[in-house]
């Protein structure tokens, strides 16, 4: 039986997916996982491959769900995205973007396009 936290997370992913598909994005993969990290949703927005982190919190206290996408979390997502591109060479020439969809309680999802970028070397 899933925990309340897992139920909240799954509901958040479903809500985020509905939002992003409603604006024309197409689902490529859900819950891509490797030892470097996990990516909740991978979609195509036109020719751009979008790696989406979905963050759900029961309430908006302590900065809300978006504030939980810290630098270390961003690095894990970036490493997982790099791993994905190595495993899926059909996508490795596409432009990429990292989005965050944050859900705080029962509010409308907050979609943050281009929420962070791969740091320059």
PDB file of N, CA and C in Angstrom:
ATOM      1  N   UNK A   1       0.856  -1.184   0.000  1.00  0.00           N
ATOM      2  CA  UNK A   1       0.000   0.000   0.000  1.00  0.00           C
ATOM      3  C   UNK A   1       0.898   1.242   0.000  1.00  0.00           C
ATOM      4  N   UNK A   2       0.645   2.184  -0.910  1.00  0.00           N
ATOM      5  CA  UNK A   2       1.488   3.389  -0.970  1.00  0.00           C
ATOM      6  C   UNK A   2       1.280   4.281   0.256  1.00  0.00           C
ATOM      7  N   UNK A   3       2.368   4.950   0.634  1.00  0.00           N
ATOM      8  CA  UNK A   3       2.313   5.881   1.756  1.00  0.00           C
ATOM      9  C   UNK A   3       1.586   7.153   1.331  1.00  0.00           C
ATOM     10  N   UNK A   4       1.120   7.960   2.289  1.00  0.00           N
ATOM     11  CA  UNK A   4       0.494   9.242   1.933  1.00  0.00           C
ATOM     12  C   UNK A   4       1.420  10.122   1.093  1.00  0.00           C
ATOM     13  N   UNK A   5       2.709  10.057   1.375  1.00  0.00           N
ATOM     14  CA  UNK A   5       3.683  10.850   0.611  1.00  0.00           C
ATOM     15  C   UNK A   5       3.761  10.372  -0.846  1.00  0.00           C
ATOM     16  N   UNK A   6       3.726   9.049  -1.054  1.00  0.00           N
ATOM     17  CA  UNK A   6       3.750   8.502  -2.412  1.00  0.00           C
ATOM     18  C   UNK A   6       2.474   8.862  -3.170  1.00  0.00           C
ATOM     19  N   UNK A   7       1.348   8.815  -2.478  1.00  0.00           N
ATOM     20  CA  UNK A   7       0.070   9.186  -3.097  1.00  0.00           C
ATOM     21  C   UNK A   7       0.109  10.652  -3.528  1.00  0.00           C
ATOM     22  N   UNK A   8       0.619  11.525  -2.652  1.00  0.00           N
ATOM     23  CA  UNK A   8       0.741  12.945  -2.971  1.00  0.00           C
ATOM     24  C   UNK A   8       1.664  13.153  -4.164  1.00  0.00           C
ATOM     25  N   UNK A   9       2.794  12.450  -4.178  1.00  0.00           N
ATOM     26  CA  UNK A   9       3.740  12.573  -5.284  1.00  0.00           C
ATOM     27  C   UNK A   9       3.156  12.118  -6.602  1.00  0.00           C
ATOM     28  N   UNK A  10       2.459  10.991  -6.592  1.00  0.00           N
ATOM     29  CA  UNK A  10       1.846  10.490  -7.834  1.00  0.00           C
ATOM     30  C   UNK A  10       0.771  11.448  -8.336  1.00  0.00           C
ATOM     31  N   UNK A  11      -0.043  11.961  -7.431  1.00  0.00           N
ATOM     32  CA  UNK A  11      -1.084  12.918  -7.819  1.00  0.00           C
ATOM     33  C   UNK A  11      -0.451  14.184  -8.402  1.00  0.00           C
ATOM     34  N   UNK A  12       0.661  14.621  -7.817  1.00  0.00           N
ATOM     35  CA  UNK A  12       1.367  15.791  -8.340  1.00  0.00           C
ATOM     36  C   UNK A  12       1.893  15.554  -9.736  1.00  0.00           C
ATOM     37  N   UNK A  13       2.464  14.377  -9.980  1.00  0.00           N
ATOM     38  CA  UNK A  13       2.971  14.054 -11.314  1.00  0.00           C
ATOM     39  C   UNK A  13       1.838  14.027 -12.332  1.00  0.00           C
ATOM     40  N   UNK A  14       0.709  13.452 -11.944  1.00  0.00           N
ATOM     41  CA  UNK A  14      -0.453  13.409 -12.851  1.00  0.00           C
ATOM     42  C   UNK A  14      -0.931  14.817 -13.183  1.00  0.00           C
ATOM     43  N   UNK A  15      -1.004  15.675 -12.177  1.00  0.00           N
ATOM     44  CA  UNK A  15      -1.438  17.053 -12.376  1.00  0.00           C
ATOM     45  C   UNK A  15      -0.468  17.800 -13.291  1.00  0.00           C
ATOM     46  N   UNK A  16       0.832  17.617 -13.048  1.00  0.00           N
ATOM     47  CA  UNK A  16       1.856  18.268 -13.878  1.00  0.00           C
ATOM     48  C   UNK A  16       1.771  17.773 -15.319  1.00  0.00           C
ATOM     49  N   UNK A  17       1.606  16.479 -15.491  1.00  0.00           N
ATOM     50  CA  UNK A  17       1.522  15.915 -16.837  1.00  0.00           C
ATOM     51  C   UNK A  17       0.307  16.464 -17.583  1.00  0.00           C
ATOM     52  N   UNK A  18      -0.834  16.544 -16.921  1.00  0.00           N
ATOM     53  CA  UNK A  18      -2.030  17.122 -17.561  1.00  0.00           C
ATOM     54  C   UNK A  18      -1.777  18.567 -17.988  1.00  0.00           C
ATOM     55  N   UNK A  19      -1.150  19.347 -17.090  1.00  0.00           N
ATOM     56  CA  UNK A  19      -0.853  20.746 -17.398  1.00  0.00           C
ATOM     57  C   UNK A  19       0.043  20.853 -18.627  1.00  0.00           C
ATOM     58  N   UNK A  20       1.123  20.105 -18.646  1.00  0.00           N
ATOM     59  CA  UNK A  20       2.093  20.217 -19.734  1.00  0.00           C
ATOM     60  C   UNK A  20       1.545  19.666 -21.053  1.00  0.00           C
ATOM     61  N   UNK A  21       0.772  18.608 -20.991  1.00  0.00           N
ATOM     62  CA  UNK A  21       0.157  18.082 -22.217  1.00  0.00           C
ATOM     63  C   UNK A  21      -0.911  19.040 -22.749  1.00  0.00           C
ATOM     64  N   UNK A  22      -1.559  19.775 -21.848  1.00  0.00           N
ATOM     65  CA  UNK A  22      -2.600  20.714 -22.281  1.00  0.00           C
ATOM     66  C   UNK A  22      -2.040  21.877 -23.091  1.00  0.00           C
ATOM     67  N   UNK A  23      -0.734  22.117 -22.986  1.00  0.00           N
ATOM     68  CA  UNK A  23      -0.101  23.182 -23.776  1.00  0.00           C
ATOM     69  C   UNK A  23       0.691  22.598 -24.949  1.00  0.00           C
ATOM     70  N   UNK A  24       0.433  21.330 -25.254  1.00  0.00           N
ATOM     71  CA  UNK A  24       0.994  20.733 -26.453  1.00  0.00           C
ATOM     72  C   UNK A  24       2.260  19.914 -26.287  1.00  0.00           C
ATOM     73  N   UNK A  25       2.757  19.769 -25.063  1.00  0.00           N
ATOM     74  CA  UNK A  25       3.944  18.939 -24.885  1.00  0.00           C
ATOM     75  C   UNK A  25       3.546  17.466 -24.963  1.00  0.00           C
ATOM     76  N   UNK A  26       4.505  16.643 -25.400  1.00  0.00           N
ATOM     77  CA  UNK A  26       4.240  15.218 -25.571  1.00  0.00           C
ATOM     78  C   UNK A  26       5.131  14.410 -24.631  1.00  0.00           C
ATOM     79  N   UNK A  27       4.515  13.486 -23.922  1.00  0.00           N
ATOM     80  CA  UNK A  27       5.251  12.644 -22.984  1.00  0.00           C
ATOM     81  C   UNK A  27       6.193  11.707 -23.729  1.00  0.00           C
ATOM     82  N   UNK A  28       7.445  11.684 -23.284  1.00  0.00           N
ATOM     83  CA  UNK A  28       8.451  10.760 -23.808  1.00  0.00           C
ATOM     84  C   UNK A  28       8.651   9.630 -22.806  1.00  0.00           C
ATOM     85  N   UNK A  29       8.817   9.984 -21.514  1.00  0.00           N
ATOM     86  CA  UNK A  29       9.036   8.972 -20.487  1.00  0.00           C
ATOM     87  C   UNK A  29       8.700   9.526 -19.114  1.00  0.00           C
ATOM     88  N   UNK A  30       8.236   8.639 -18.252  1.00  0.00           N
ATOM     89  CA  UNK A  30       7.967   8.978 -16.852  1.00  0.00           C
ATOM     90  C   UNK A  30       8.968   8.268 -15.971  1.00  0.00           C
ATOM     91  N   UNK A  31       9.339   8.900 -14.900  1.00  0.00           N
ATOM     92  CA  UNK A  31      10.144   8.304 -13.835  1.00  0.00           C
ATOM     93  C   UNK A  31      11.395   7.600 -14.357  1.00  0.00           C
ATOM     94  N   UNK A  32      12.208   8.341 -15.101  1.00  0.00           N
ATOM     95  CA  UNK A  32      13.492   7.801 -15.543  1.00  0.00           C
ATOM     96  C   UNK A  32      14.428   7.779 -14.346  1.00  0.00           C
ATOM     97  N   UNK A  33      14.979   6.613 -14.074  1.00  0.00           N
ATOM     98  CA  UNK A  33      15.833   6.474 -12.900  1.00  0.00           C
ATOM     99  C   UNK A  33      17.134   5.786 -13.269  1.00  0.00           C
ATOM    100  N   UNK A  34      18.210   6.291 -12.707  1.00  0.00           N
ATOM    101  CA  UNK A  34      19.527   5.683 -12.852  1.00  0.00           C
ATOM    102  C   UNK A  34      20.256   5.951 -11.541  1.00  0.00           C
ATOM    103  N   UNK A  35      21.465   5.460 -11.432  1.00  0.00           N
ATOM    104  CA  UNK A  35      22.154   5.650 -10.146  1.00  0.00           C
ATOM    105  C   UNK A  35      22.514   7.111  -9.886  1.00  0.00           C
ATOM    106  N   UNK A  36      22.496   7.957 -10.934  1.00  0.00           N
ATOM    107  CA  UNK A  36      22.808   9.370 -10.763  1.00  0.00           C
ATOM    108  C   UNK A  36      21.637  10.170 -10.188  1.00  0.00           C
ATOM    109  N   UNK A  37      20.424   9.672 -10.409  1.00  0.00           N
ATOM    110  CA  UNK A  37      19.250  10.393  -9.938  1.00  0.00           C
ATOM    111  C   UNK A  37      18.012   9.951 -10.679  1.00  0.00           C
ATOM    112  N   UNK A  38      16.961  10.734 -10.546  1.00  0.00           N
ATOM    113  CA  UNK A  38      15.683  10.421 -11.176  1.00  0.00           C
ATOM    114  C   UNK A  38      15.110  11.667 -11.827  1.00  0.00           C
ATOM    115  N   UNK A  39      14.419  11.446 -12.928  1.00  0.00           N
ATOM    116  CA  UNK A  39      13.698  12.523 -13.604  1.00  0.00           C
ATOM    117  C   UNK A  39      12.237  12.115 -13.632  1.00  0.00           C
ATOM    118  N   UNK A  40      11.370  12.984 -13.107  1.00  0.00           N
ATOM    119  CA  UNK A  40       9.952  12.645 -13.000  1.00  0.00           C
ATOM    120  C   UNK A  40       9.286  12.510 -14.365  1.00  0.00           C
ATOM    121  N   UNK A  41       9.464  13.518 -15.213  1.00  0.00           N
ATOM    122  CA  UNK A  41       8.827  13.515 -16.529  1.00  0.00           C
ATOM    123  C   UNK A  41       9.821  13.995 -17.575  1.00  0.00           C
ATOM    124  N   UNK A  42       9.777  13.367 -18.733  1.00  0.00           N
ATOM    125  CA  UNK A  42      10.550  13.828 -19.887  1.00  0.00           C
ATOM    126  C   UNK A  42       9.544  14.015 -21.008  1.00  0.00           C
ATOM    127  N   UNK A  43       9.522  15.238 -21.554  1.00  0.00           N
ATOM    128  CA  UNK A  43       8.549  15.571 -22.588  1.00  0.00           C
ATOM    129  C   UNK A  43       9.229  16.253 -23.767  1.00  0.00           C
ATOM    130  N   UNK A  44       8.511  16.303 -24.864  1.00  0.00           N
ATOM    131  CA  UNK A  44       8.944  17.088 -26.017  1.00  0.00           C
ATOM    132  C   UNK A  44       8.067  18.321 -26.105  1.00  0.00           C
ATOM    133  N   UNK A  45       8.710  19.474 -26.174  1.00  0.00           N
ATOM    134  CA  UNK A  45       8.034  20.750 -26.392  1.00  0.00           C
ATOM    135  C   UNK A  45       8.530  21.241 -27.742  1.00  0.00           C
ATOM    136  N   UNK A  46       7.811  20.884 -28.805  1.00  0.00           N
ATOM    137  CA  UNK A  46       8.325  21.121 -30.149  1.00  0.00           C
ATOM    138  C   UNK A  46       9.525  20.219 -30.348  1.00  0.00           C
ATOM    139  N   UNK A  47      10.682  20.817 -30.632  1.00  0.00           N
ATOM    140  CA  UNK A  47      11.915  20.050 -30.822  1.00  0.00           C
ATOM    141  C   UNK A  47      12.736  19.964 -29.531  1.00  0.00           C
ATOM    142  N   UNK A  48      12.315  20.671 -28.493  1.00  0.00           N
ATOM    143  CA  UNK A  48      13.077  20.732 -27.238  1.00  0.00           C
ATOM    144  C   UNK A  48      12.703  19.581 -26.316  1.00  0.00           C
ATOM    145  N   UNK A  49      13.724  18.902 -25.800  1.00  0.00           N
ATOM    146  CA  UNK A  49      13.518  17.852 -24.812  1.00  0.00           C
ATOM    147  C   UNK A  49      13.486  18.517 -23.437  1.00  0.00           C
ATOM    148  N   UNK A  50      12.408  18.280 -22.709  1.00  0.00           N
ATOM    149  CA  UNK A  50      12.196  18.949 -21.425  1.00  0.00           C
ATOM    150  C   UNK A  50      12.255  17.919 -20.298  1.00  0.00           C
ATOM    151  N   UNK A  51      13.169  18.143 -19.358  1.00  0.00           N
ATOM    152  CA  UNK A  51      13.294  17.315 -18.169  1.00  0.00           C
ATOM    153  C   UNK A  51      12.555  18.046 -17.051  1.00  0.00           C
ATOM    154  N   UNK A  52      11.549  17.394 -16.477  1.00  0.00           N
ATOM    155  CA  UNK A  52      10.671  18.059 -15.514  1.00  0.00           C
ATOM    156  C   UNK A  52      10.793  17.427 -14.135  1.00  0.00           C
ATOM    157  N   UNK A  53      11.047  18.271 -13.146  1.00  0.00           N
ATOM    158  CA  UNK A  53      11.029  17.872 -11.750  1.00  0.00           C
ATOM    159  C   UNK A  53       9.696  18.321 -11.170  1.00  0.00           C
ATOM    160  N   UNK A  54       8.948  17.389 -10.604  1.00  0.00           N
ATOM    161  CA  UNK A  54       7.662  17.694  -9.995  1.00  0.00           C
ATOM    162  C   UNK A  54       7.845  17.644  -8.485  1.00  0.00           C
ATOM    163  N   UNK A  55       7.480  18.722  -7.816  1.00  0.00           N
ATOM    164  CA  UNK A  55       7.607  18.791  -6.360  1.00  0.00           C
ATOM    165  C   UNK A  55       6.236  19.076  -5.760  1.00  0.00           C
ATOM    166  N   UNK A  56       5.804  18.200  -4.880  1.00  0.00           N
ATOM    167  CA  UNK A  56       4.509  18.347  -4.217  1.00  0.00           C
ATOM    168  C   UNK A  56       4.712  18.437  -2.724  1.00  0.00           C
ATOM    169  N   UNK A  57       4.010  19.378  -2.121  1.00  0.00           N
ATOM    170  CA  UNK A  57       4.021  19.507  -0.658  1.00  0.00           C
ATOM    171  C   UNK A  57       2.590  19.711  -0.209  1.00  0.00           C
ATOM    172  N   UNK A  58       2.292  19.188   0.961  1.00  0.00           N
ATOM    173  CA  UNK A  58       0.932  19.306   1.481  1.00  0.00           C
ATOM    174  C   UNK A  58       0.556  20.757   1.753  1.00  0.00           C
ATOM    175  N   UNK A  59       1.538  21.587   2.077  1.00  0.00           N
ATOM    176  CA  UNK A  59       1.282  22.998   2.359  1.00  0.00           C
ATOM    177  C   UNK A  59       2.391  23.856   1.807  1.00  0.00           C
ATOM    178  N   UNK A  60       2.204  25.163   1.878  1.00  0.00           N
ATOM    179  CA  UNK A  60       3.183  26.080   1.313  1.00  0.00           C
ATOM    180  C   UNK A  60       4.182  26.636   2.312  1.00  0.00           C
ATOM    181  N   UNK A  61       4.247  26.057   3.486  1.00  0.00           N
ATOM    182  CA  UNK A  61       5.170  26.551   4.511  1.00  0.00           C
ATOM    183  C   UNK A  61       6.620  26.289   4.117  1.00  0.00           C
ATOM    184  N   UNK A  62       7.524  27.015   4.724  1.00  0.00           N
ATOM    185  CA  UNK A  62       8.969  26.836   4.535  1.00  0.00           C
ATOM    186  C   UNK A  62       9.407  27.055   3.095  1.00  0.00           C
ATOM    187  N   UNK A  63       8.797  27.999   2.412  1.00  0.00           N
ATOM    188  CA  UNK A  63       9.223  28.338   1.058  1.00  0.00           C
ATOM    189  C   UNK A  63       8.484  27.605  -0.028  1.00  0.00           C
ATOM    190  N   UNK A  64       7.680  26.639   0.306  1.00  0.00           N
ATOM    191  CA  UNK A  64       6.892  25.940  -0.689  1.00  0.00           C
ATOM    192  C   UNK A  64       7.680  24.878  -1.450  1.00  0.00           C
ATOM    193  N   UNK A  65       6.974  24.202  -2.337  1.00  0.00           N
ATOM    194  CA  UNK A  65       7.541  23.074  -3.066  1.00  0.00           C
ATOM    195  C   UNK A  65       8.697  23.488  -3.978  1.00  0.00           C
ATOM    196  N   UNK A  66       8.586  24.624  -4.636  1.00  0.00           N
ATOM    197  CA  UNK A  66       9.639  25.053  -5.570  1.00  0.00           C
ATOM    198  C   UNK A  66      10.973  25.253  -4.851  1.00  0.00           C
ATOM    199  N   UNK A  67      10.927  25.689  -3.617  1.00  0.00           N
ATOM    200  CA  UNK A  67      12.155  25.943  -2.855  1.00  0.00           C
ATOM    201  C   UNK A  67      12.918  24.665  -2.527  1.00  0.00           C
ATOM    202  N   UNK A  68      12.272  23.507  -2.697  1.00  0.00           N
ATOM    203  CA  UNK A  68      12.941  22.239  -2.385  1.00  0.00           C
ATOM    204  C   UNK A  68      13.819  21.745  -3.533  1.00  0.00           C
ATOM    205  N   UNK A  69      13.825  22.442  -4.647  1.00  0.00           N
ATOM    206  CA  UNK A  69      14.699  22.062  -5.768  1.00  0.00           C
ATOM    207  C   UNK A  69      16.023  22.803  -5.574  1.00  0.00           C
ATOM    208  N   UNK A  70      16.799  22.282  -4.673  1.00  0.00           N
ATOM    209  CA  UNK A  70      18.066  22.891  -4.266  1.00  0.00           C
ATOM    210  C   UNK A  70      19.160  22.633  -5.299  1.00  0.00           C
ATOM    211  N   UNK A  71      20.306  23.296  -5.133  1.00  0.00           N
ATOM    212  CA  UNK A  71      21.450  23.072  -6.037  1.00  0.00           C
ATOM    213  C   UNK A  71      21.849  21.601  -6.103  1.00  0.00           C
ATOM    214  N   UNK A  72      21.983  20.911  -4.950  1.00  0.00           N
ATOM    215  CA  UNK A  72      22.325  19.481  -5.032  1.00  0.00           C
ATOM    216  C   UNK A  72      21.276  18.671  -5.814  1.00  0.00           C
ATOM    217  N   UNK A  73      19.998  18.990  -5.627  1.00  0.00           N
ATOM    218  CA  UNK A  73      18.933  18.300  -6.366  1.00  0.00           C
ATOM    219  C   UNK A  73      19.070  18.608  -7.858  1.00  0.00           C
ATOM    220  N   UNK A  74      19.341  19.857  -8.198  1.00  0.00           N
ATOM    221  CA  UNK A  74      19.532  20.230  -9.605  1.00  0.00           C
ATOM    222  C   UNK A  74      20.686  19.446 -10.218  1.00  0.00           C
ATOM    223  N   UNK A  75      21.787  19.310  -9.490  1.00  0.00           N
ATOM    224  CA  UNK A  75      22.944  18.554 -10.004  1.00  0.00           C
ATOM    225  C   UNK A  75      22.577  17.094 -10.266  1.00  0.00           C
ATOM    226  N   UNK A  76      21.790  16.492  -9.369  1.00  0.00           N
ATOM    227  CA  UNK A  76      21.360  15.103  -9.574  1.00  0.00           C
ATOM    228  C   UNK A  76      20.479  14.985 -10.816  1.00  0.00           C
ATOM    229  N   UNK A  77      19.591  15.944 -11.018  1.00  0.00           N
ATOM    230  CA  UNK A  77      18.716  15.923 -12.189  1.00  0.00           C
ATOM    231  C   UNK A  77      19.541  16.084 -13.462  1.00  0.00           C
ATOM    232  N   UNK A  78      20.492  16.993 -13.443  1.00  0.00           N
ATOM    233  CA  UNK A  78      21.359  17.222 -14.611  1.00  0.00           C
ATOM    234  C   UNK A  78      22.146  15.948 -14.930  1.00  0.00           C
ATOM    235  N   UNK A  79      22.696  15.305 -13.922  1.00  0.00           N
ATOM    236  CA  UNK A  79      23.457  14.061 -14.160  1.00  0.00           C
ATOM    237  C   UNK A  79      22.555  12.967 -14.712  1.00  0.00           C
ATOM    238  N   UNK A  80      21.345  12.864 -14.193  1.00  0.00           N
ATOM    239  CA  UNK A  80      20.395  11.871 -14.705  1.00  0.00           C
ATOM    240  C   UNK A  80      20.014  12.188 -16.148  1.00  0.00           C
ATOM    241  N   UNK A  81      19.868  13.476 -16.477  1.00  0.00           N
ATOM    242  CA  UNK A  81      19.551  13.877 -17.849  1.00  0.00           C
ATOM    243  C   UNK A  81      20.699  13.526 -18.792  1.00  0.00           C
ATOM    244  N   UNK A  82      21.922  13.759 -18.350  1.00  0.00           N
ATOM    245  CA  UNK A  82      23.086  13.387 -19.167  1.00  0.00           C
ATOM    246  C   UNK A  82      23.114  11.880 -19.407  1.00  0.00           C
ATOM    247  N   UNK A  83      22.800  11.116 -18.383  1.00  0.00           N
ATOM    248  CA  UNK A  83      22.741   9.656 -18.507  1.00  0.00           C
ATOM    249  C   UNK A  83      21.658   9.262 -19.513  1.00  0.00           C
ATOM    250  N   UNK A  84      20.495   9.895 -19.387  1.00  0.00           N
ATOM    251  CA  UNK A  84      19.396   9.613 -20.317  1.00  0.00           C
ATOM    252  C   UNK A  84      19.833   9.869 -21.765  1.00  0.00           C
ATOM    253  N   UNK A  85      20.490  10.997 -21.991  1.00  0.00           N
ATOM    254  CA  UNK A  85      20.913  11.341 -23.363  1.00  0.00           C
ATOM    255  C   UNK A  85      21.948  10.349 -23.891  1.00  0.00           C
ATOM    256  N   UNK A  86      22.795   9.833 -23.033  1.00  0.00           N
ATOM    257  CA  UNK A  86      23.753   8.806 -23.457  1.00  0.00           C
ATOM    258  C   UNK A  86      23.035   7.511 -23.849  1.00  0.00           C
ATOM    259  N   UNK A  87      21.974   7.192 -23.140  1.00  0.00           N
ATOM    260  CA  UNK A  87      21.203   5.976 -23.415  1.00  0.00           C
ATOM    261  C   UNK A  87      20.226   6.131 -24.578  1.00  0.00           C
ATOM    262  N   UNK A  88      19.908   7.359 -24.916  1.00  0.00           N
ATOM    263  CA  UNK A  88      18.929   7.640 -25.973  1.00  0.00           C
ATOM    264  C   UNK A  88      19.530   8.614 -26.985  1.00  0.00           C
ATOM    265  N   UNK A  89      20.451   8.124 -27.818  1.00  0.00           N
ATOM    266  CA  UNK A  89      21.148   9.023 -28.752  1.00  0.00           C
ATOM    267  C   UNK A  89      20.218   9.691 -29.768  1.00  0.00           C
ATOM    268  N   UNK A  90      19.020   9.169 -29.943  1.00  0.00           N
ATOM    269  CA  UNK A  90      18.075   9.824 -30.857  1.00  0.00           C
ATOM    270  C   UNK A  90      17.687  11.223 -30.372  1.00  0.00           C
ATOM    271  N   UNK A  91      17.943  11.512 -29.103  1.00  0.00           N
ATOM    272  CA  UNK A  91      17.601  12.823 -28.540  1.00  0.00           C
ATOM    273  C   UNK A  91      18.815  13.705 -28.272  1.00  0.00           C
ATOM    274  N   UNK A  92      20.035  13.198 -28.446  1.00  0.00           N
ATOM    275  CA  UNK A  92      21.191  13.958 -27.962  1.00  0.00           C
ATOM    276  C   UNK A  92      21.548  15.191 -28.781  1.00  0.00           C
ATOM    277  N   UNK A  93      20.886  15.426 -29.896  1.00  0.00           N
ATOM    278  CA  UNK A  93      21.120  16.665 -30.650  1.00  0.00           C
ATOM    279  C   UNK A  93      20.016  17.700 -30.434  1.00  0.00           C
ATOM    280  N   UNK A  94      19.058  17.349 -29.641  1.00  0.00           N
ATOM    281  CA  UNK A  94      17.949  18.277 -29.359  1.00  0.00           C
ATOM    282  C   UNK A  94      18.380  19.316 -28.321  1.00  0.00           C
ATOM    283  N   UNK A  95      17.816  20.511 -28.424  1.00  0.00           N
ATOM    284  CA  UNK A  95      17.995  21.450 -27.300  1.00  0.00           C
ATOM    285  C   UNK A  95      17.263  20.871 -26.085  1.00  0.00           C
ATOM    286  N   UNK A  96      17.785  21.147 -24.906  1.00  0.00           N
ATOM    287  CA  UNK A  96      17.198  20.627 -23.670  1.00  0.00           C
ATOM    288  C   UNK A  96      16.865  21.771 -22.723  1.00  0.00           C
ATOM    289  N   UNK A  97      15.899  21.497 -21.861  1.00  0.00           N
ATOM    290  CA  UNK A  97      15.472  22.492 -20.878  1.00  0.00           C
ATOM    291  C   UNK A  97      15.077  21.757 -19.605  1.00  0.00           C
ATOM    292  N   UNK A  98      15.277  22.419 -18.469  1.00  0.00           N
ATOM    293  CA  UNK A  98      14.894  21.867 -17.175  1.00  0.00           C
ATOM    294  C   UNK A  98      13.766  22.727 -16.600  1.00  0.00           C
ATOM    295  N   UNK A  99      12.610  22.114 -16.427  1.00  0.00           N
ATOM    296  CA  UNK A  99      11.453  22.798 -15.854  1.00  0.00           C
ATOM    297  C   UNK A  99      11.140  22.203 -14.488  1.00  0.00           C
ATOM    298  N   UNK A 100      10.425  22.980 -13.690  1.00  0.00           N
ATOM    299  CA  UNK A 100       9.923  22.514 -12.397  1.00  0.00           C
ATOM    300  C   UNK A 100       8.430  22.802 -12.364  1.00  0.00           C
ATOM    301  N   UNK A 101       7.665  21.824 -11.904  1.00  0.00           N
ATOM    302  CA  UNK A 101       6.253  22.045 -11.616  1.00  0.00           C
ATOM    303  C   UNK A 101       6.087  21.830 -10.123  1.00  0.00           C
ATOM    304  N   UNK A 102       5.670  22.880  -9.432  1.00  0.00           N
ATOM    305  CA  UNK A 102       5.538  22.851  -7.974  1.00  0.00           C
ATOM    306  C   UNK A 102       4.066  22.912  -7.586  1.00  0.00           C
ATOM    307  N   UNK A 103       3.695  22.043  -6.658  1.00  0.00           N
ATOM    308  CA  UNK A 103       2.322  22.015  -6.162  1.00  0.00           C
ATOM    309  C   UNK A 103       2.345  22.136  -4.649  1.00  0.00           C
ATOM    310  N   UNK A 104       1.694  23.148  -4.145  1.00  0.00           N
ATOM    311  CA  UNK A 104       1.607  23.381  -2.703  1.00  0.00           C
ATOM    312  C   UNK A 104       0.164  23.195  -2.265  1.00  0.00           C
ATOM    313  N   UNK A 105      -0.119  22.101  -1.594  1.00  0.00           N
ATOM    314  CA  UNK A 105      -1.483  21.837  -1.149  1.00  0.00           C
ATOM    315  C   UNK A 105      -2.399  21.644  -2.341  1.00  0.00           C
ATOM    316  N   UNK A 106      -3.540  22.258  -2.288  1.00  0.00           N
ATOM    317  CA  UNK A 106      -4.548  22.106  -3.344  1.00  0.00           C
ATOM    318  C   UNK A 106      -4.510  23.234  -4.369  1.00  0.00           C
ATOM    319  N   UNK A 107      -3.423  23.984  -4.421  1.00  0.00           N
ATOM    320  CA  UNK A 107      -3.340  25.117  -5.334  1.00  0.00           C
ATOM    321  C   UNK A 107      -3.059  24.657  -6.757  1.00  0.00           C
ATOM    322  N   UNK A 108      -3.222  25.570  -7.676  1.00  0.00           N
ATOM    323  CA  UNK A 108      -2.920  25.314  -9.083  1.00  0.00           C
ATOM    324  C   UNK A 108      -1.414  25.110  -9.220  1.00  0.00           C
ATOM    325  N   UNK A 109      -0.993  24.157 -10.042  1.00  0.00           N
ATOM    326  CA  UNK A 109       0.450  23.933 -10.202  1.00  0.00           C
ATOM    327  C   UNK A 109       1.174  25.186 -10.688  1.00  0.00           C
ATOM    328  N   UNK A 110       2.358  25.410 -10.147  1.00  0.00           N
ATOM    329  CA  UNK A 110       3.214  26.514 -10.581  1.00  0.00           C
ATOM    330  C   UNK A 110       4.247  25.922 -11.536  1.00  0.00           C
ATOM    331  N   UNK A 111       4.188  26.325 -12.800  1.00  0.00           N
ATOM    332  CA  UNK A 111       5.092  25.814 -13.818  1.00  0.00           C
ATOM    333  C   UNK A 111       6.221  26.816 -13.997  1.00  0.00           C
ATOM    334  N   UNK A 112       7.435  26.387 -13.722  1.00  0.00           N
ATOM    335  CA  UNK A 112       8.610  27.243 -13.864  1.00  0.00           C
ATOM    336  C   UNK A 112       9.413  26.722 -15.048  1.00  0.00           C
ATOM    337  N   UNK A 113       9.255  27.398 -16.189  1.00  0.00           N
ATOM    338  CA  UNK A 113       9.990  27.018 -17.398  1.00  0.00           C
ATOM    339  C   UNK A 113      11.451  27.436 -17.246  1.00  0.00           C
ATOM    340  N   UNK A 114      12.318  26.579 -17.753  1.00  0.00           N
ATOM    341  CA  UNK A 114      13.755  26.888 -17.727  1.00  0.00           C
ATOM    342  C   UNK A 114      14.193  27.267 -16.308  1.00  0.00           C
ATOM    343  N   UNK A 115      13.816  26.436 -15.354  1.00  0.00           N
ATOM    344  CA  UNK A 115      14.021  26.715 -13.931  1.00  0.00           C
ATOM    345  C   UNK A 115      15.502  26.772 -13.547  1.00  0.00           C
ATOM    346  N   UNK A 116      16.325  25.997 -14.226  1.00  0.00           N
ATOM    347  CA  UNK A 116      17.769  26.022 -13.981  1.00  0.00           C
ATOM    348  C   UNK A 116      18.473  25.517 -15.222  1.00  0.00           C
ATOM    349  N   UNK A 117      19.772  25.756 -15.274  1.00  0.00           N
ATOM    350  CA  UNK A 117      20.569  25.384 -16.434  1.00  0.00           C
ATOM    351  C   UNK A 117      21.802  24.609 -16.003  1.00  0.00           C
ATOM    352  N   UNK A 118      22.380  23.923 -16.983  1.00  0.00           N
ATOM    353  CA  UNK A 118      23.649  23.235 -16.748  1.00  0.00           C
ATOM    354  C   UNK A 118      24.699  24.312 -16.543  1.00  0.00           C
ATOM    355  N   UNK A 119      25.456  24.243 -15.445  1.00  0.00           N
ATOM    356  CA  UNK A 119      26.481  25.271 -15.209  1.00  0.00           C
ATOM    357  C   UNK A 119      27.563  25.259 -16.294  1.00  0.00           C
ATOM    358  N   UNK A 120      28.087  26.404 -16.590  1.00  0.00           N
ATOM    359  CA  UNK A 120      29.180  26.511 -17.563  1.00  0.00           C
ATOM    360  C   UNK A 120      30.452  25.925 -16.954  1.00  0.00           C
ATOM    361  N   UNK A 121      31.283  25.297 -17.781  1.00  0.00           N
ATOM    362  CA  UNK A 121      32.528  24.689 -17.247  1.00  0.00           C
ATOM    363  C   UNK A 121      33.520  25.727 -16.775  1.00  0.00           C
TER     364      UNK A 121
END
